[in-house]
Protein backbone atom coordinates (compact mmCIF):
# COMPACT_ATOMS: atom_id res chain seq x y z
CA UNK A 1 87.77 144.17 43.24
CA UNK A 2 84.20 143.62 44.32
CA UNK A 3 82.26 145.62 46.86
CA UNK A 4 82.46 144.62 50.53
CA UNK A 5 79.00 143.06 50.44
CA UNK A 6 80.05 140.81 47.55
CA UNK A 7 82.80 138.99 49.42
CA UNK A 8 82.28 135.23 49.52
CA UNK A 9 82.82 133.44 52.80
CA UNK A 10 85.08 130.50 52.02
CA UNK A 11 84.57 127.04 53.53
CA UNK A 12 87.84 127.08 55.44
CA UNK A 13 89.36 129.21 58.16
CA UNK A 14 92.54 131.22 58.21
CA UNK A 15 95.06 131.74 60.98
CA UNK A 16 93.59 131.80 64.47
CA UNK A 17 90.38 130.27 63.03
CA UNK A 18 89.40 133.58 61.42
CA UNK A 19 87.06 133.50 58.40
CA UNK A 20 88.49 133.72 54.89
CA UNK A 21 86.78 135.64 52.11
CA UNK A 22 87.10 135.68 48.35
CA UNK A 23 86.76 138.88 46.37
CA UNK A 24 85.93 138.09 42.76
CA UNK A 25 83.34 138.72 40.10
CA UNK A 26 84.12 135.36 38.47
CA UNK A 27 82.04 132.55 39.94
CA UNK A 28 83.75 130.14 37.52
CA UNK A 29 87.28 131.02 38.63
CA UNK A 30 89.65 128.52 40.22
CA UNK A 31 89.08 129.65 43.82
CA UNK A 32 85.29 129.76 43.40
CA UNK A 33 85.27 126.24 41.96
CA UNK A 34 87.58 125.02 44.73
CA UNK A 35 85.25 126.50 47.36
CA UNK A 36 82.22 124.94 45.63
CA UNK A 37 83.90 121.51 45.63
CA UNK A 38 84.87 121.73 49.29
CA UNK A 39 81.37 122.87 50.24
CA UNK A 40 79.94 119.91 48.34
CA UNK A 41 82.22 117.51 50.23
CA UNK A 42 81.26 119.12 53.54
CA UNK A 43 77.56 118.70 52.79
CA UNK A 44 78.09 115.05 51.77
CA UNK A 45 79.98 114.42 55.01
CA UNK A 46 77.14 115.97 57.02
CA UNK A 47 74.59 113.76 55.25
CA UNK A 48 76.68 110.65 55.97
CA UNK A 49 77.04 111.63 59.63
CA UNK A 50 73.29 112.18 59.91
CA UNK A 51 72.71 108.65 58.61
CA UNK A 52 75.32 107.32 61.06
CA UNK A 53 73.69 109.24 63.92
CA UNK A 54 70.30 107.73 63.13
CA UNK A 55 71.82 104.25 63.22
CA UNK A 56 73.90 104.89 66.34
CA UNK A 57 71.08 106.42 68.36
CA UNK A 58 68.85 103.51 67.38
CA UNK A 59 71.43 100.99 68.57
CA UNK A 60 70.91 99.98 72.19
CA UNK A 61 74.45 98.61 72.26
CA UNK A 62 76.17 101.84 71.21
CA UNK A 63 78.74 102.76 73.80
CA UNK A 64 79.35 106.11 75.39
CA UNK A 65 82.63 106.52 73.47
CA UNK A 66 80.81 105.91 70.17
CA UNK A 67 78.21 108.53 71.01
CA UNK A 68 80.81 111.06 72.18
CA UNK A 69 82.86 110.63 68.99
CA UNK A 70 79.74 110.95 66.87
CA UNK A 71 78.71 114.11 68.76
CA UNK A 72 82.15 115.63 68.13
CA UNK A 73 81.96 114.79 64.41
CA UNK A 74 78.38 116.11 64.17
CA UNK A 75 79.43 119.38 65.81
CA UNK A 76 82.18 119.82 63.23
CA UNK A 77 79.80 119.00 60.38
CA UNK A 78 77.22 121.44 61.75
CA UNK A 79 79.89 124.16 61.87
CA UNK A 80 80.77 123.46 58.23
CA UNK A 81 77.13 123.37 57.09
CA UNK A 82 76.39 126.66 58.86
CA UNK A 83 79.38 128.24 57.11
CA UNK A 84 78.08 126.97 53.75
CA UNK A 85 74.60 128.28 54.52
CA UNK A 86 76.02 131.65 55.54
CA UNK A 87 78.14 131.83 52.40
CA UNK A 88 75.26 130.83 50.16
CA UNK A 89 72.94 133.24 51.93
CA UNK A 90 75.34 136.08 51.18
CA UNK A 91 75.51 134.99 47.55
CA UNK A 92 71.72 135.06 47.37
CA UNK A 93 71.56 138.50 48.94
CA UNK A 94 73.78 140.07 46.29
CA UNK A 95 72.29 138.18 43.34
CA UNK A 96 69.56 139.67 41.23
CA UNK A 97 66.14 138.18 42.00
CA UNK A 98 64.99 135.68 39.42
CA UNK A 99 61.73 136.32 37.63
CA UNK A 100 59.29 133.47 37.62
């Protein structure tokens, strides 16, 4: 079992929307790879939504419903990206600094 500060925040929530953590020293294990893949998909989704937002906000004919749906999707993507950034930040904090 790893130390408390080495827990990895996973890209999904548990019951009652509480954060889930992974305790492992194996970054190549099944759960670590699964989390990496999900994080990658979340980041791709955020990039696609950003492109869609740029197009939608530049469209004078975009309706209120379109903008509201996009805002809801962007909020979800932002939540996911912040979770990834938090998780990756924790991984950086516990990693040894690289020498240049």
